[in-house]
Amino acid sequence: MVFSWIVYKSRAHRDKVNDKAMKDPRLAGTMKTKRMPFDSKRMAYGGCKVMVDA
């Protein structure tokens, strides 16, 4: 499992970045499908450890 987050300068900056990301052609194929990319019934939960701390 990988968990991360982004800190933006402001809400306007967040909106600008998200708009660019949604228009990125490399993501277009992943956004068109209505199916989940994995079987959520088979997900397992466990402990987590920090790999990168910036």
N, C-alpha and C. Protein backbone atom coordinates (compact mmCIF):
# COMPACT_ATOMS: atom_id res chain seq x y z
N MET A 1 0.85 -1.17 0.00
CA MET A 1 0.00 0.00 0.00
C MET A 1 0.89 1.23 0.00
N VAL A 2 0.51 2.20 -0.77
CA VAL A 2 1.22 3.47 -0.81
C VAL A 2 0.22 4.58 -0.54
N PHE A 3 0.57 5.47 0.35
CA PHE A 3 -0.29 6.60 0.68
C PHE A 3 0.55 7.86 0.59
N SER A 4 0.02 8.85 -0.06
CA SER A 4 0.74 10.12 -0.15
C SER A 4 -0.27 11.25 -0.27
N TRP A 5 0.20 12.46 -0.11
CA TRP A 5 -0.66 13.62 -0.29
C TRP A 5 0.16 14.78 -0.82
N ILE A 6 -0.53 15.76 -1.34
CA ILE A 6 0.10 16.94 -1.94
C ILE A 6 -0.33 18.16 -1.14
N VAL A 7 0.61 19.04 -0.90
CA VAL A 7 0.30 20.30 -0.22
C VAL A 7 0.37 21.40 -1.28
N TYR A 8 -0.73 22.11 -1.46
CA TYR A 8 -0.79 23.18 -2.45
C TYR A 8 -0.59 24.53 -1.78
N LYS A 9 -0.19 25.51 -2.60
CA LYS A 9 0.00 26.87 -2.10
C LYS A 9 -1.32 27.52 -1.71
N SER A 10 -2.36 27.21 -2.47
CA SER A 10 -3.68 27.80 -2.23
C SER A 10 -4.72 26.95 -2.95
N ARG A 11 -5.99 27.26 -2.73
CA ARG A 11 -7.06 26.55 -3.42
C ARG A 11 -7.00 26.82 -4.92
N ALA A 12 -6.66 28.03 -5.30
CA ALA A 12 -6.54 28.37 -6.74
C ALA A 12 -5.42 27.56 -7.37
N HIS A 13 -4.31 27.40 -6.67
CA HIS A 13 -3.19 26.60 -7.17
C HIS A 13 -3.61 25.14 -7.31
N ARG A 14 -4.34 24.62 -6.32
CA ARG A 14 -4.84 23.24 -6.38
C ARG A 14 -5.73 23.04 -7.59
N ASP A 15 -6.65 23.98 -7.83
CA ASP A 15 -7.55 23.86 -8.97
C ASP A 15 -6.80 23.88 -10.29
N LYS A 16 -5.77 24.70 -10.38
CA LYS A 16 -4.97 24.79 -11.60
C LYS A 16 -4.21 23.47 -11.85
N VAL A 17 -3.62 22.93 -10.81
CA VAL A 17 -2.88 21.67 -10.93
C VAL A 17 -3.82 20.53 -11.29
N ASN A 18 -4.97 20.44 -10.61
CA ASN A 18 -5.93 19.37 -10.90
C ASN A 18 -6.46 19.46 -12.33
N ASP A 19 -6.67 20.67 -12.81
CA ASP A 19 -7.14 20.85 -14.19
C ASP A 19 -6.11 20.32 -15.18
N LYS A 20 -4.84 20.62 -14.94
CA LYS A 20 -3.77 20.11 -15.82
C LYS A 20 -3.71 18.58 -15.76
N ALA A 21 -3.83 18.03 -14.56
CA ALA A 21 -3.75 16.57 -14.42
C ALA A 21 -4.89 15.88 -15.15
N MET A 22 -6.08 16.42 -15.06
CA MET A 22 -7.23 15.79 -15.71
C MET A 22 -7.14 15.86 -17.24
N LYS A 23 -6.38 16.80 -17.77
CA LYS A 23 -6.21 16.92 -19.22
C LYS A 23 -5.00 16.14 -19.74
N ASP A 24 -4.23 15.53 -18.85
CA ASP A 24 -3.03 14.78 -19.24
C ASP A 24 -3.45 13.54 -20.03
N PRO A 25 -2.98 13.38 -21.25
CA PRO A 25 -3.38 12.23 -22.08
C PRO A 25 -2.92 10.90 -21.50
N ARG A 26 -1.91 10.89 -20.66
CA ARG A 26 -1.45 9.63 -20.05
C ARG A 26 -2.48 9.07 -19.07
N LEU A 27 -3.36 9.92 -18.56
CA LEU A 27 -4.38 9.47 -17.62
C LEU A 27 -5.72 9.21 -18.29
N ALA A 28 -5.87 9.59 -19.53
CA ALA A 28 -7.16 9.50 -20.22
C ALA A 28 -7.72 8.07 -20.21
N GLY A 29 -6.88 7.08 -20.45
CA GLY A 29 -7.34 5.69 -20.48
C GLY A 29 -7.84 5.20 -19.15
N THR A 30 -7.29 5.69 -18.06
CA THR A 30 -7.70 5.22 -16.75
C THR A 30 -8.99 5.87 -16.29
N MET A 31 -9.36 7.00 -16.86
CA MET A 31 -10.56 7.71 -16.42
C MET A 31 -11.81 7.31 -17.20
N LYS A 32 -11.65 6.59 -18.30
CA LYS A 32 -12.79 6.24 -19.13
C LYS A 32 -13.52 4.99 -18.64
N THR A 33 -12.84 4.16 -17.90
CA THR A 33 -13.45 2.91 -17.46
C THR A 33 -14.38 3.12 -16.27
N LYS A 34 -15.45 2.36 -16.23
CA LYS A 34 -16.38 2.44 -15.11
C LYS A 34 -16.08 1.34 -14.09
N ARG A 35 -15.23 0.39 -14.48
CA ARG A 35 -14.86 -0.69 -13.58
C ARG A 35 -13.71 -0.26 -12.68
N MET A 36 -13.68 -0.84 -11.49
CA MET A 36 -12.55 -0.61 -10.60
C MET A 36 -11.33 -1.33 -11.16
N PRO A 37 -10.13 -0.77 -11.01
CA PRO A 37 -8.93 -1.42 -11.56
C PRO A 37 -8.48 -2.62 -10.73
N PHE A 38 -9.17 -2.90 -9.62
CA PHE A 38 -8.82 -4.03 -8.76
C PHE A 38 -10.08 -4.56 -8.09
N ASP A 39 -9.99 -5.74 -7.53
CA ASP A 39 -11.12 -6.35 -6.84
C ASP A 39 -11.07 -5.93 -5.38
N SER A 40 -11.91 -5.00 -4.99
CA SER A 40 -11.87 -4.46 -3.63
C SER A 40 -12.26 -5.50 -2.57
N LYS A 41 -12.93 -6.58 -2.98
CA LYS A 41 -13.29 -7.63 -2.03
C LYS A 41 -12.05 -8.39 -1.55
N ARG A 42 -10.99 -8.30 -2.30
CA ARG A 42 -9.78 -9.04 -1.96
C ARG A 42 -8.72 -8.18 -1.28
N MET A 43 -9.08 -6.97 -0.96
CA MET A 43 -8.12 -6.09 -0.31
C MET A 43 -7.83 -6.58 1.11
N ALA A 44 -6.61 -6.44 1.52
CA ALA A 44 -6.22 -6.83 2.88
C ALA A 44 -5.68 -5.59 3.59
N TYR A 45 -5.93 -5.50 4.85
CA TYR A 45 -5.45 -4.38 5.63
C TYR A 45 -4.38 -4.87 6.60
N GLY A 46 -3.37 -4.06 6.77
CA GLY A 46 -2.31 -4.44 7.69
C GLY A 46 -1.64 -3.20 8.24
N GLY A 47 -0.54 -3.42 8.87
CA GLY A 47 0.21 -2.31 9.45
C GLY A 47 0.91 -1.50 8.37
N CYS A 48 1.25 -0.30 8.70
CA CYS A 48 1.91 0.59 7.76
C CYS A 48 3.21 1.11 8.36
N LYS A 49 4.17 1.40 7.54
CA LYS A 49 5.39 2.05 8.01
C LYS A 49 5.77 3.14 7.04
N VAL A 50 6.39 4.18 7.54
CA VAL A 50 6.79 5.31 6.72
C VAL A 50 8.00 4.91 5.89
N MET A 51 7.91 5.11 4.56
CA MET A 51 9.03 4.82 3.66
C MET A 51 9.80 6.09 3.33
N VAL A 52 9.09 7.19 3.15
CA VAL A 52 9.71 8.46 2.81
C VAL A 52 9.05 9.52 3.67
N ASP A 53 9.84 10.32 4.33
CA ASP A 53 9.30 11.39 5.16
C ASP A 53 9.98 12.68 4.73
N ALA A 54 9.21 13.53 4.04
CA ALA A 54 9.81 14.76 3.50
C ALA A 54 9.51 15.95 4.37
